[in-house]
Amino acid sequence: MVRGKYLASLKESIVNLDFNAVVETAKEAMDAGVDPQIAITDGIVLGMTIIGEKYETGEYFLSELVVAGEVMKEGMKVITPYIKGGSAKKLGAVVIATVEGDNHDLGKNIVTTLLRVHGFEVVDLGTDVPTDTIINAVKKRKPDILGLSALLTVTMPKMGEAIESLKMADLREKVKVIVGGSPVTSEFAESIGADHCAANALEGVKKCMEWVTPRETR
């Protein structure tokens, strides 16, 4: 019951865009022994999910999205050190980006946060990322997974462009490609040759975890 109180407060602090509340609640939750991963997935991430829903319905605008992202980061600063201490096992490496022409990063940031929480090494290339930059990152980092995000239908073809460029660079068979974003469908993902379309952040991370095994066993 006590844990639920902290999780609800974390969620509400994100939704209310309250910097002070998220920091204070995160500290209290950690002091009370709340599992840091649960605090993130069932507190902060749920709050960010609600933010995304409010944006899609027009209740929140881009300015609120930006602020919510900063509030999330403040909460994560408090909670993340509690995860690092007990996370000896490392899963796969991921390169993730929002494709060229698209500056939306709410969903990508949530996925990035969850991947790191679960032990992935994540290289976040940011937003509006040209295909060449994505391909060069895959060449350099040699990730297990490439994540591509788009929230605009006009930028979705850039996902297909990236996959074709992977093929031309003889990299396609060396990396799994997961795509996501509210307009992206499984049918579209299949049409461009992606390995999976994430229905949401949690489902996408689950799929990534299915794809990899701990590095020690490779």
N, C-alpha and C. Protein backbone atom coordinates (compact mmCIF):
# COMPACT_ATOMS: atom_id res chain seq x y z
N MET A 1 0.82 -1.20 0.00
CA MET A 1 0.00 0.00 0.00
C MET A 1 0.86 1.26 0.00
N VAL A 2 1.94 1.22 0.80
CA VAL A 2 2.83 2.38 0.86
C VAL A 2 3.49 2.60 -0.49
N ARG A 3 3.95 1.49 -1.13
CA ARG A 3 4.58 1.61 -2.43
C ARG A 3 3.63 2.26 -3.43
N GLY A 4 2.36 1.85 -3.39
CA GLY A 4 1.37 2.40 -4.30
C GLY A 4 1.23 3.90 -4.16
N LYS A 5 1.36 4.39 -2.93
CA LYS A 5 1.26 5.83 -2.69
C LYS A 5 2.38 6.57 -3.41
N TYR A 6 3.58 6.04 -3.32
CA TYR A 6 4.72 6.70 -3.98
C TYR A 6 4.61 6.62 -5.50
N LEU A 7 4.16 5.49 -6.00
CA LEU A 7 4.02 5.33 -7.45
C LEU A 7 2.98 6.31 -8.00
N ALA A 8 1.87 6.44 -7.27
CA ALA A 8 0.82 7.37 -7.70
C ALA A 8 1.34 8.81 -7.67
N SER A 9 2.13 9.13 -6.65
CA SER A 9 2.66 10.49 -6.53
C SER A 9 3.66 10.80 -7.63
N LEU A 10 4.48 9.79 -7.98
CA LEU A 10 5.42 9.98 -9.08
C LEU A 10 4.67 10.24 -10.38
N LYS A 11 3.66 9.44 -10.63
CA LYS A 11 2.86 9.60 -11.84
C LYS A 11 2.23 10.99 -11.89
N GLU A 12 1.63 11.41 -10.77
CA GLU A 12 0.95 12.70 -10.71
C GLU A 12 1.92 13.87 -10.87
N SER A 13 3.13 13.71 -10.35
CA SER A 13 4.11 14.80 -10.46
C SER A 13 4.52 15.00 -11.92
N ILE A 14 4.56 13.90 -12.70
CA ILE A 14 4.86 14.01 -14.12
C ILE A 14 3.71 14.69 -14.85
N VAL A 15 2.50 14.20 -14.61
CA VAL A 15 1.32 14.73 -15.28
C VAL A 15 1.11 16.20 -14.96
N ASN A 16 1.44 16.59 -13.72
CA ASN A 16 1.26 17.98 -13.29
C ASN A 16 2.45 18.86 -13.62
N LEU A 17 3.47 18.26 -14.27
CA LEU A 17 4.68 19.01 -14.67
C LEU A 17 5.35 19.67 -13.47
N ASP A 18 5.43 18.95 -12.37
CA ASP A 18 5.92 19.50 -11.10
C ASP A 18 7.34 19.01 -10.80
N PHE A 19 8.32 19.87 -11.07
CA PHE A 19 9.73 19.53 -10.85
C PHE A 19 10.01 19.19 -9.39
N ASN A 20 9.57 20.05 -8.49
CA ASN A 20 9.86 19.86 -7.08
C ASN A 20 9.24 18.57 -6.55
N ALA A 21 8.01 18.30 -6.96
CA ALA A 21 7.31 17.12 -6.47
C ALA A 21 7.97 15.83 -6.95
N VAL A 22 8.42 15.79 -8.20
CA VAL A 22 9.01 14.56 -8.71
C VAL A 22 10.32 14.24 -8.00
N VAL A 23 11.11 15.27 -7.73
CA VAL A 23 12.38 15.06 -7.02
C VAL A 23 12.14 14.61 -5.59
N GLU A 24 11.24 15.31 -4.91
CA GLU A 24 10.94 14.99 -3.51
C GLU A 24 10.36 13.58 -3.38
N THR A 25 9.39 13.26 -4.26
CA THR A 25 8.75 11.94 -4.20
C THR A 25 9.73 10.84 -4.55
N ALA A 26 10.59 11.07 -5.54
CA ALA A 26 11.58 10.07 -5.92
C ALA A 26 12.52 9.78 -4.76
N LYS A 27 12.95 10.82 -4.06
CA LYS A 27 13.83 10.63 -2.90
C LYS A 27 13.12 9.84 -1.80
N GLU A 28 11.87 10.21 -1.54
CA GLU A 28 11.10 9.51 -0.50
C GLU A 28 10.89 8.05 -0.87
N ALA A 29 10.61 7.80 -2.14
CA ALA A 29 10.38 6.42 -2.59
C ALA A 29 11.63 5.57 -2.42
N MET A 30 12.78 6.13 -2.79
CA MET A 30 14.03 5.39 -2.65
C MET A 30 14.37 5.16 -1.19
N ASP A 31 14.15 6.16 -0.35
CA ASP A 31 14.40 6.02 1.09
C ASP A 31 13.49 4.96 1.72
N ALA A 32 12.29 4.82 1.13
CA ALA A 32 11.32 3.86 1.66
C ALA A 32 11.56 2.44 1.12
N GLY A 33 12.54 2.30 0.24
CA GLY A 33 12.88 0.99 -0.28
C GLY A 33 12.08 0.53 -1.47
N VAL A 34 11.42 1.45 -2.16
CA VAL A 34 10.68 1.08 -3.36
C VAL A 34 11.67 0.63 -4.45
N ASP A 35 11.37 -0.47 -5.10
CA ASP A 35 12.22 -0.97 -6.19
C ASP A 35 12.35 0.12 -7.24
N PRO A 36 13.59 0.55 -7.56
CA PRO A 36 13.77 1.64 -8.52
C PRO A 36 13.18 1.35 -9.90
N GLN A 37 13.26 0.10 -10.34
CA GLN A 37 12.69 -0.23 -11.64
C GLN A 37 11.17 -0.10 -11.62
N ILE A 38 10.54 -0.50 -10.52
CA ILE A 38 9.09 -0.35 -10.39
C ILE A 38 8.72 1.13 -10.32
N ALA A 39 9.55 1.92 -9.63
CA ALA A 39 9.29 3.36 -9.52
C ALA A 39 9.28 4.00 -10.90
N ILE A 40 10.16 3.52 -11.77
CA ILE A 40 10.23 4.08 -13.12
C ILE A 40 9.08 3.59 -13.99
N THR A 41 8.89 2.27 -14.05
CA THR A 41 7.88 1.72 -14.96
C THR A 41 6.45 2.03 -14.52
N ASP A 42 6.19 1.91 -13.21
CA ASP A 42 4.82 2.08 -12.70
C ASP A 42 4.54 3.47 -12.14
N GLY A 43 5.55 4.32 -12.18
CA GLY A 43 5.37 5.68 -11.70
C GLY A 43 5.65 6.69 -12.81
N ILE A 44 6.92 6.87 -13.09
CA ILE A 44 7.34 7.88 -14.07
C ILE A 44 6.85 7.57 -15.48
N VAL A 45 7.02 6.32 -15.93
CA VAL A 45 6.63 5.97 -17.30
C VAL A 45 5.11 6.07 -17.48
N LEU A 46 4.35 5.66 -16.48
CA LEU A 46 2.90 5.79 -16.56
C LEU A 46 2.50 7.26 -16.69
N GLY A 47 3.20 8.10 -15.95
CA GLY A 47 2.93 9.54 -16.05
C GLY A 47 3.22 10.07 -17.44
N MET A 48 4.35 9.63 -18.02
CA MET A 48 4.71 10.07 -19.36
C MET A 48 3.73 9.52 -20.40
N THR A 49 3.20 8.33 -20.15
CA THR A 49 2.20 7.77 -21.06
C THR A 49 0.95 8.63 -21.08
N ILE A 50 0.55 9.09 -19.91
CA ILE A 50 -0.62 9.98 -19.81
C ILE A 50 -0.34 11.30 -20.52
N ILE A 51 0.88 11.80 -20.38
CA ILE A 51 1.27 13.04 -21.07
C ILE A 51 1.10 12.86 -22.57
N GLY A 52 1.56 11.70 -23.08
CA GLY A 52 1.43 11.43 -24.51
C GLY A 52 -0.02 11.38 -24.95
N GLU A 53 -0.86 10.79 -24.13
CA GLU A 53 -2.28 10.72 -24.46
C GLU A 53 -2.91 12.11 -24.49
N LYS A 54 -2.53 12.94 -23.53
CA LYS A 54 -3.06 14.29 -23.47
C LYS A 54 -2.61 15.11 -24.68
N TYR A 55 -1.39 14.84 -25.15
CA TYR A 55 -0.89 15.53 -26.33
C TYR A 55 -1.69 15.12 -27.57
N GLU A 56 -1.93 13.81 -27.68
CA GLU A 56 -2.64 13.31 -28.86
C GLU A 56 -4.08 13.79 -28.91
N THR A 57 -4.69 14.05 -27.74
CA THR A 57 -6.08 14.53 -27.72
C THR A 57 -6.17 16.05 -27.78
N GLY A 58 -5.00 16.73 -27.77
CA GLY A 58 -4.99 18.18 -27.87
C GLY A 58 -5.11 18.91 -26.54
N GLU A 59 -5.13 18.15 -25.44
CA GLU A 59 -5.21 18.79 -24.13
C GLU A 59 -3.88 19.42 -23.74
N TYR A 60 -2.79 18.76 -24.15
CA TYR A 60 -1.45 19.29 -23.94
C TYR A 60 -0.84 19.61 -25.30
N PHE A 61 0.09 20.56 -25.30
CA PHE A 61 0.75 20.98 -26.53
C PHE A 61 2.25 20.68 -26.46
N LEU A 62 2.99 21.08 -27.49
CA LEU A 62 4.41 20.77 -27.56
C LEU A 62 5.16 21.31 -26.35
N SER A 63 4.78 22.48 -25.87
CA SER A 63 5.47 23.06 -24.71
C SER A 63 5.35 22.16 -23.49
N GLU A 64 4.15 21.57 -23.30
CA GLU A 64 3.97 20.65 -22.17
C GLU A 64 4.79 19.38 -22.35
N LEU A 65 4.91 18.92 -23.59
CA LEU A 65 5.72 17.74 -23.85
C LEU A 65 7.17 17.98 -23.45
N VAL A 66 7.67 19.14 -23.83
CA VAL A 66 9.06 19.48 -23.53
C VAL A 66 9.28 19.54 -22.02
N VAL A 67 8.37 20.21 -21.32
CA VAL A 67 8.49 20.33 -19.87
C VAL A 67 8.39 18.96 -19.21
N ALA A 68 7.46 18.14 -19.67
CA ALA A 68 7.29 16.80 -19.09
C ALA A 68 8.57 15.98 -19.24
N GLY A 69 9.22 16.12 -20.37
CA GLY A 69 10.48 15.41 -20.59
C GLY A 69 11.54 15.84 -19.60
N GLU A 70 11.58 17.13 -19.29
CA GLU A 70 12.55 17.64 -18.32
C GLU A 70 12.21 17.18 -16.91
N VAL A 71 10.91 17.14 -16.59
CA VAL A 71 10.48 16.65 -15.27
C VAL A 71 10.88 15.19 -15.12
N MET A 72 10.67 14.40 -16.16
CA MET A 72 11.06 12.99 -16.13
C MET A 72 12.56 12.85 -15.86
N LYS A 73 13.36 13.67 -16.53
CA LYS A 73 14.81 13.60 -16.35
C LYS A 73 15.21 13.88 -14.90
N GLU A 74 14.54 14.84 -14.26
CA GLU A 74 14.85 15.17 -12.87
C GLU A 74 14.54 13.99 -11.95
N GLY A 75 13.42 13.32 -12.20
CA GLY A 75 13.09 12.15 -11.41
C GLY A 75 14.08 11.03 -11.64
N MET A 76 14.49 10.85 -12.88
CA MET A 76 15.44 9.79 -13.22
C MET A 76 16.80 10.03 -12.58
N LYS A 77 17.19 11.29 -12.44
CA LYS A 77 18.48 11.59 -11.81
C LYS A 77 18.53 11.06 -10.39
N VAL A 78 17.40 11.10 -9.73
CA VAL A 78 17.34 10.62 -8.35
C VAL A 78 17.33 9.09 -8.30
N ILE A 79 16.57 8.48 -9.19
CA ILE A 79 16.34 7.04 -9.12
C ILE A 79 17.46 6.21 -9.75
N THR A 80 18.03 6.68 -10.86
CA THR A 80 19.00 5.90 -11.62
C THR A 80 20.17 5.36 -10.79
N PRO A 81 20.78 6.14 -9.89
CA PRO A 81 21.91 5.61 -9.11
C PRO A 81 21.56 4.36 -8.31
N TYR A 82 20.32 4.22 -7.93
CA TYR A 82 19.90 3.05 -7.17
C TYR A 82 19.82 1.80 -8.03
N ILE A 83 19.74 2.00 -9.36
CA ILE A 83 19.70 0.87 -10.29
C ILE A 83 21.10 0.41 -10.61
N LYS A 84 21.98 1.33 -10.86
CA LYS A 84 23.33 1.01 -11.31
C LYS A 84 24.06 0.10 -10.34
N GLY A 85 23.84 0.31 -9.07
CA GLY A 85 24.56 -0.47 -8.07
C GLY A 85 24.28 -1.95 -8.17
N GLY A 86 23.06 -2.34 -8.53
CA GLY A 86 22.72 -3.76 -8.54
C GLY A 86 22.59 -4.36 -9.92
N SER A 87 23.02 -3.64 -10.93
CA SER A 87 22.83 -4.14 -12.30
C SER A 87 24.15 -4.56 -12.92
N ALA A 88 24.62 -5.75 -12.55
CA ALA A 88 25.88 -6.25 -13.09
C ALA A 88 25.67 -6.84 -14.48
N LYS A 89 24.51 -7.40 -14.70
CA LYS A 89 24.23 -8.07 -15.97
C LYS A 89 23.88 -7.04 -17.04
N LYS A 90 24.57 -7.13 -18.17
CA LYS A 90 24.31 -6.23 -19.28
C LYS A 90 23.66 -6.98 -20.42
N LEU A 91 22.58 -6.42 -20.93
CA LEU A 91 21.93 -7.00 -22.10
C LEU A 91 22.55 -6.38 -23.34
N GLY A 92 21.83 -6.44 -24.47
CA GLY A 92 22.39 -5.97 -25.73
C GLY A 92 22.56 -4.47 -25.84
N ALA A 93 23.16 -4.07 -26.95
CA ALA A 93 23.37 -2.66 -27.26
C ALA A 93 22.31 -2.20 -28.26
N VAL A 94 21.87 -0.96 -28.09
CA VAL A 94 20.82 -0.40 -28.95
C VAL A 94 21.23 0.98 -29.44
N VAL A 95 21.04 1.22 -30.72
CA VAL A 95 21.12 2.57 -31.28
C VAL A 95 19.69 2.99 -31.57
N ILE A 96 19.31 4.18 -31.14
CA ILE A 96 17.92 4.62 -31.32
C ILE A 96 17.89 6.06 -31.83
N ALA A 97 16.91 6.37 -32.66
CA ALA A 97 16.83 7.72 -33.23
C ALA A 97 15.42 8.01 -33.72
N THR A 98 15.07 9.30 -33.70
CA THR A 98 13.89 9.78 -34.41
C THR A 98 14.36 10.19 -35.80
N VAL A 99 13.71 9.72 -36.84
CA VAL A 99 14.20 9.89 -38.20
C VAL A 99 14.18 11.34 -38.67
N GLU A 100 14.89 11.57 -39.76
CA GLU A 100 15.05 12.92 -40.32
C GLU A 100 13.70 13.59 -40.62
N GLY A 101 13.59 14.87 -40.25
CA GLY A 101 12.37 15.63 -40.50
C GLY A 101 11.39 15.61 -39.35
N ASP A 102 11.69 14.80 -38.33
CA ASP A 102 10.77 14.63 -37.19
C ASP A 102 11.49 15.01 -35.90
N ASN A 103 10.91 15.94 -35.16
CA ASN A 103 11.53 16.41 -33.92
C ASN A 103 10.84 15.90 -32.66
N HIS A 104 9.97 14.93 -32.80
CA HIS A 104 9.27 14.39 -31.64
C HIS A 104 10.13 13.33 -30.94
N ASP A 105 10.19 13.41 -29.63
CA ASP A 105 11.05 12.44 -28.93
C ASP A 105 10.45 11.88 -27.63
N LEU A 106 9.18 12.16 -27.36
CA LEU A 106 8.59 11.68 -26.12
C LEU A 106 8.63 10.15 -26.03
N GLY A 107 8.10 9.48 -27.05
CA GLY A 107 8.09 8.03 -27.03
C GLY A 107 9.49 7.46 -27.03
N LYS A 108 10.36 8.03 -27.85
CA LYS A 108 11.74 7.56 -27.92
C LYS A 108 12.43 7.69 -26.56
N ASN A 109 12.19 8.79 -25.88
CA ASN A 109 12.83 9.00 -24.58
C ASN A 109 12.34 7.99 -23.54
N ILE A 110 11.06 7.66 -23.59
CA ILE A 110 10.52 6.67 -22.66
C ILE A 110 11.15 5.31 -22.94
N VAL A 111 11.22 4.94 -24.22
CA VAL A 111 11.83 3.66 -24.58
C VAL A 111 13.29 3.63 -24.15
N THR A 112 14.01 4.70 -24.41
CA THR A 112 15.42 4.78 -24.02
C THR A 112 15.59 4.59 -22.52
N THR A 113 14.75 5.26 -21.76
CA THR A 113 14.80 5.14 -20.30
C THR A 113 14.56 3.70 -19.86
N LEU A 114 13.53 3.07 -20.41
CA LEU A 114 13.19 1.70 -20.03
C LEU A 114 14.29 0.71 -20.44
N LEU A 115 14.87 0.92 -21.63
CA LEU A 115 15.95 0.04 -22.07
C LEU A 115 17.13 0.10 -21.11
N ARG A 116 17.49 1.31 -20.71
CA ARG A 116 18.62 1.46 -19.79
C ARG A 116 18.30 0.86 -18.42
N VAL A 117 17.07 1.02 -17.98
CA VAL A 117 16.65 0.44 -16.71
C VAL A 117 16.82 -1.08 -16.73
N HIS A 118 16.55 -1.69 -17.88
CA HIS A 118 16.63 -3.14 -17.97
C HIS A 118 18.02 -3.65 -18.35
N GLY A 119 19.00 -2.76 -18.40
CA GLY A 119 20.37 -3.19 -18.58
C GLY A 119 20.94 -3.07 -19.98
N PHE A 120 20.23 -2.42 -20.89
CA PHE A 120 20.75 -2.23 -22.24
C PHE A 120 21.73 -1.04 -22.28
N GLU A 121 22.69 -1.15 -23.16
CA GLU A 121 23.55 -0.01 -23.47
C GLU A 121 22.87 0.72 -24.64
N VAL A 122 22.53 1.99 -24.43
CA VAL A 122 21.75 2.71 -25.43
C VAL A 122 22.51 3.94 -25.93
N VAL A 123 22.61 4.05 -27.25
CA VAL A 123 23.14 5.25 -27.89
C VAL A 123 21.95 5.98 -28.49
N ASP A 124 21.58 7.11 -27.90
CA ASP A 124 20.44 7.89 -28.37
C ASP A 124 20.95 8.99 -29.30
N LEU A 125 20.64 8.88 -30.57
CA LEU A 125 21.12 9.85 -31.56
C LEU A 125 20.28 11.12 -31.59
N GLY A 126 19.13 11.12 -30.87
CA GLY A 126 18.30 12.31 -30.81
C GLY A 126 17.20 12.33 -31.86
N THR A 127 16.82 13.55 -32.27
CA THR A 127 15.73 13.72 -33.22
C THR A 127 16.25 14.29 -34.55
N ASP A 128 15.40 14.20 -35.58
CA ASP A 128 15.73 14.74 -36.90
C ASP A 128 17.10 14.21 -37.37
N VAL A 129 17.26 12.90 -37.28
CA VAL A 129 18.56 12.28 -37.56
C VAL A 129 18.63 11.79 -39.01
N PRO A 130 19.57 12.29 -39.80
CA PRO A 130 19.71 11.84 -41.19
C PRO A 130 20.05 10.35 -41.27
N THR A 131 19.64 9.74 -42.35
CA THR A 131 19.89 8.31 -42.53
C THR A 131 21.37 7.98 -42.46
N ASP A 132 22.21 8.80 -43.08
CA ASP A 132 23.65 8.54 -43.07
C ASP A 132 24.20 8.49 -41.65
N THR A 133 23.69 9.35 -40.78
CA THR A 133 24.15 9.37 -39.39
C THR A 133 23.75 8.08 -38.68
N ILE A 134 22.55 7.61 -38.97
CA ILE A 134 22.07 6.36 -38.37
C ILE A 134 22.94 5.19 -38.82
N ILE A 135 23.21 5.12 -40.12
CA ILE A 135 24.02 4.02 -40.66
C ILE A 135 25.44 4.06 -40.10
N ASN A 136 26.01 5.24 -40.01
CA ASN A 136 27.37 5.36 -39.47
C ASN A 136 27.42 4.93 -38.01
N ALA A 137 26.35 5.22 -37.27
CA ALA A 137 26.30 4.82 -35.85
C ALA A 137 26.23 3.30 -35.74
N VAL A 138 25.48 2.67 -36.63
CA VAL A 138 25.39 1.20 -36.62
C VAL A 138 26.75 0.59 -36.97
N LYS A 139 27.44 1.19 -37.94
CA LYS A 139 28.77 0.70 -38.32
C LYS A 139 29.75 0.81 -37.15
N LYS A 140 29.70 1.94 -36.47
CA LYS A 140 30.65 2.21 -35.39
C LYS A 140 30.33 1.44 -34.12
N ARG A 141 29.05 1.43 -33.74
CA ARG A 141 28.66 0.86 -32.45
C ARG A 141 28.37 -0.64 -32.50
N LYS A 142 28.06 -1.14 -33.69
CA LYS A 142 27.72 -2.56 -33.86
C LYS A 142 26.64 -3.02 -32.85
N PRO A 143 25.49 -2.34 -32.84
CA PRO A 143 24.44 -2.69 -31.88
C PRO A 143 23.71 -3.98 -32.26
N ASP A 144 23.04 -4.55 -31.29
CA ASP A 144 22.18 -5.69 -31.55
C ASP A 144 20.87 -5.24 -32.17
N ILE A 145 20.46 -4.02 -31.81
CA ILE A 145 19.13 -3.52 -32.20
C ILE A 145 19.23 -2.07 -32.65
N LEU A 146 18.47 -1.74 -33.69
CA LEU A 146 18.31 -0.36 -34.13
C LEU A 146 16.85 0.03 -33.94
N GLY A 147 16.61 1.09 -33.19
CA GLY A 147 15.26 1.58 -32.97
C GLY A 147 15.02 2.85 -33.75
N LEU A 148 13.94 2.90 -34.52
CA LEU A 148 13.59 4.07 -35.32
C LEU A 148 12.22 4.57 -34.93
N SER A 149 12.11 5.88 -34.68
CA SER A 149 10.84 6.46 -34.25
C SER A 149 10.39 7.55 -35.22
N ALA A 150 9.07 7.65 -35.39
CA ALA A 150 8.48 8.72 -36.20
C ALA A 150 7.08 9.00 -35.68
N LEU A 151 6.74 10.26 -35.57
CA LEU A 151 5.39 10.62 -35.14
C LEU A 151 4.62 11.33 -36.25
N LEU A 152 5.30 11.58 -37.36
CA LEU A 152 4.67 12.24 -38.50
C LEU A 152 4.60 11.25 -39.67
N THR A 153 3.45 11.16 -40.30
CA THR A 153 3.32 10.23 -41.42
C THR A 153 4.27 10.58 -42.56
N VAL A 154 4.58 11.88 -42.72
CA VAL A 154 5.45 12.29 -43.83
C VAL A 154 6.90 11.86 -43.60
N THR A 155 7.26 11.54 -42.35
CA THR A 155 8.64 11.12 -42.09
C THR A 155 8.78 9.60 -42.00
N MET A 156 7.66 8.89 -41.99
CA MET A 156 7.72 7.43 -41.89
C MET A 156 8.55 6.77 -43.00
N PRO A 157 8.51 7.27 -44.24
CA PRO A 157 9.32 6.65 -45.29
C PRO A 157 10.81 6.65 -44.98
N LYS A 158 11.26 7.55 -44.12
CA LYS A 158 12.67 7.59 -43.74
C LYS A 158 13.09 6.32 -43.02
N MET A 159 12.12 5.67 -42.36
CA MET A 159 12.42 4.39 -41.72
C MET A 159 12.78 3.35 -42.78
N GLY A 160 11.99 3.31 -43.85
CA GLY A 160 12.29 2.39 -44.95
C GLY A 160 13.62 2.71 -45.60
N GLU A 161 13.90 4.01 -45.73
CA GLU A 161 15.17 4.44 -46.32
C GLU A 161 16.35 3.93 -45.49
N ALA A 162 16.21 4.01 -44.17
CA ALA A 162 17.28 3.54 -43.29
C ALA A 162 17.51 2.04 -43.44
N ILE A 163 16.42 1.28 -43.55
CA ILE A 163 16.55 -0.17 -43.69
C ILE A 163 17.20 -0.53 -45.03
N GLU A 164 16.82 0.19 -46.08
CA GLU A 164 17.44 -0.06 -47.38
C GLU A 164 18.94 0.28 -47.34
N SER A 165 19.27 1.34 -46.61
CA SER A 165 20.68 1.73 -46.49
C SER A 165 21.47 0.70 -45.69
N LEU A 166 20.82 0.08 -44.71
CA LEU A 166 21.47 -1.00 -43.97
C LEU A 166 21.80 -2.15 -44.91
N LYS A 167 20.87 -2.46 -45.81
CA LYS A 167 21.09 -3.54 -46.77
C LYS A 167 22.26 -3.21 -47.69
N MET A 168 22.29 -1.96 -48.17
CA MET A 168 23.36 -1.55 -49.09
C MET A 168 24.72 -1.59 -48.42
N ALA A 169 24.73 -1.36 -47.11
CA ALA A 169 25.99 -1.35 -46.35
C ALA A 169 26.32 -2.75 -45.81
N ASP A 170 25.53 -3.75 -46.21
CA ASP A 170 25.73 -5.13 -45.75
C ASP A 170 25.64 -5.23 -44.22
N LEU A 171 24.68 -4.48 -43.66
CA LEU A 171 24.51 -4.48 -42.21
C LEU A 171 23.16 -5.03 -41.76
N ARG A 172 22.25 -5.21 -42.70
CA ARG A 172 20.88 -5.56 -42.32
C ARG A 172 20.80 -6.86 -41.53
N GLU A 173 21.57 -7.85 -41.91
CA GLU A 173 21.49 -9.15 -41.24
C GLU A 173 22.19 -9.15 -39.89
N LYS A 174 22.84 -8.05 -39.57
CA LYS A 174 23.60 -7.99 -38.33
C LYS A 174 22.88 -7.24 -37.21
N VAL A 175 21.69 -6.72 -37.51
CA VAL A 175 20.98 -5.92 -36.52
C VAL A 175 19.47 -6.10 -36.66
N LYS A 176 18.79 -6.20 -35.51
CA LYS A 176 17.33 -6.23 -35.51
C LYS A 176 16.83 -4.78 -35.59
N VAL A 177 15.75 -4.56 -36.33
CA VAL A 177 15.19 -3.21 -36.46
C VAL A 177 13.78 -3.17 -35.88
N ILE A 178 13.60 -2.30 -34.90
CA ILE A 178 12.28 -2.11 -34.30
C ILE A 178 11.84 -0.67 -34.58
N VAL A 179 10.60 -0.50 -35.00
CA VAL A 179 10.09 0.83 -35.33
C VAL A 179 8.90 1.15 -34.43
N GLY A 180 8.63 2.44 -34.26
CA GLY A 180 7.52 2.83 -33.42
C GLY A 180 7.12 4.28 -33.62
N GLY A 181 5.98 4.64 -33.02
CA GLY A 181 5.41 5.97 -33.18
C GLY A 181 3.92 5.80 -33.43
N SER A 182 3.12 6.75 -33.01
CA SER A 182 1.67 6.57 -33.07
C SER A 182 1.11 6.28 -34.47
N PRO A 183 1.68 6.82 -35.57
CA PRO A 183 1.10 6.49 -36.88
C PRO A 183 1.65 5.21 -37.49
N VAL A 184 2.65 4.61 -36.86
CA VAL A 184 3.33 3.45 -37.43
C VAL A 184 2.56 2.17 -37.10
N THR A 185 2.25 1.40 -38.12
CA THR A 185 1.48 0.17 -37.94
C THR A 185 2.36 -1.05 -38.23
N SER A 186 1.87 -2.21 -37.81
CA SER A 186 2.58 -3.45 -38.08
C SER A 186 2.66 -3.70 -39.58
N GLU A 187 1.58 -3.33 -40.30
CA GLU A 187 1.57 -3.51 -41.75
C GLU A 187 2.65 -2.66 -42.41
N PHE A 188 2.79 -1.43 -41.93
CA PHE A 188 3.83 -0.56 -42.49
C PHE A 188 5.20 -1.12 -42.17
N ALA A 189 5.39 -1.56 -40.94
CA ALA A 189 6.68 -2.12 -40.53
C ALA A 189 7.05 -3.30 -41.41
N GLU A 190 6.08 -4.15 -41.69
CA GLU A 190 6.34 -5.31 -42.54
C GLU A 190 6.68 -4.89 -43.96
N SER A 191 6.01 -3.84 -44.44
CA SER A 191 6.22 -3.40 -45.82
C SER A 191 7.62 -2.84 -46.05
N ILE A 192 8.24 -2.29 -45.00
CA ILE A 192 9.58 -1.72 -45.15
C ILE A 192 10.66 -2.69 -44.69
N GLY A 193 10.24 -3.87 -44.21
CA GLY A 193 11.22 -4.87 -43.83
C GLY A 193 11.74 -4.77 -42.41
N ALA A 194 11.01 -4.06 -41.54
CA ALA A 194 11.41 -3.98 -40.13
C ALA A 194 11.11 -5.31 -39.46
N ASP A 195 11.79 -5.59 -38.36
CA ASP A 195 11.57 -6.85 -37.64
C ASP A 195 10.36 -6.78 -36.70
N HIS A 196 10.03 -5.57 -36.25
CA HIS A 196 8.92 -5.46 -35.30
C HIS A 196 8.43 -4.02 -35.23
N CYS A 197 7.13 -3.88 -34.98
CA CYS A 197 6.53 -2.57 -34.71
C CYS A 197 6.08 -2.56 -33.26
N ALA A 198 6.60 -1.64 -32.46
CA ALA A 198 6.27 -1.58 -31.04
C ALA A 198 4.88 -0.96 -30.85
N ALA A 199 4.01 -1.68 -30.17
CA ALA A 199 2.67 -1.16 -29.90
C ALA A 199 2.72 -0.02 -28.89
N ASN A 200 3.68 -0.11 -27.97
CA ASN A 200 3.91 0.93 -26.97
C ASN A 200 5.31 0.71 -26.40
N ALA A 201 5.73 1.60 -25.51
CA ALA A 201 7.10 1.53 -25.00
C ALA A 201 7.39 0.23 -24.26
N LEU A 202 6.49 -0.17 -23.38
CA LEU A 202 6.72 -1.38 -22.59
C LEU A 202 6.78 -2.63 -23.47
N GLU A 203 5.87 -2.70 -24.45
CA GLU A 203 5.85 -3.85 -25.34
C GLU A 203 7.11 -3.88 -26.21
N GLY A 204 7.55 -2.71 -26.64
CA GLY A 204 8.76 -2.63 -27.46
C GLY A 204 9.99 -3.09 -26.71
N VAL A 205 10.11 -2.69 -25.45
CA VAL A 205 11.25 -3.10 -24.65
C VAL A 205 11.21 -4.61 -24.40
N LYS A 206 10.02 -5.14 -24.18
CA LYS A 206 9.87 -6.58 -23.98
C LYS A 206 10.38 -7.34 -25.20
N LYS A 207 10.04 -6.85 -26.40
CA LYS A 207 10.51 -7.49 -27.63
C LYS A 207 12.03 -7.42 -27.72
N CYS A 208 12.60 -6.28 -27.37
CA CYS A 208 14.06 -6.14 -27.40
C CYS A 208 14.72 -7.14 -26.45
N MET A 209 14.11 -7.34 -25.30
CA MET A 209 14.66 -8.29 -24.33
C MET A 209 14.58 -9.71 -24.85
N GLU A 210 13.55 -10.02 -25.64
CA GLU A 210 13.42 -11.35 -26.23
C GLU A 210 14.52 -11.60 -27.26
N TRP A 211 14.98 -10.53 -27.89
CA TRP A 211 15.97 -10.66 -28.96
C TRP A 211 17.39 -10.91 -28.48
N VAL A 212 17.67 -10.52 -27.26
CA VAL A 212 19.06 -10.58 -26.80
C VAL A 212 19.26 -11.58 -25.66
N THR A 213 20.48 -11.95 -25.47
CA THR A 213 20.86 -12.76 -24.32
C THR A 213 21.99 -12.03 -23.62
N PRO A 214 22.21 -12.29 -22.32
CA PRO A 214 23.31 -11.62 -21.63
C PRO A 214 24.63 -11.82 -22.36
N ARG A 215 25.42 -10.77 -22.40
CA ARG A 215 26.69 -10.82 -23.15
C ARG A 215 27.60 -11.93 -22.64
N GLU A 216 27.53 -12.23 -21.33
CA GLU A 216 28.41 -13.24 -20.77
C GLU A 216 28.20 -14.61 -21.39
N THR A 217 26.98 -14.84 -21.92
CA THR A 217 26.67 -16.17 -22.46
C THR A 217 26.90 -16.26 -23.96
N ARG A 218 27.34 -15.18 -24.55
CA ARG A 218 27.54 -15.22 -26.00
C ARG A 218 28.84 -15.89 -26.37
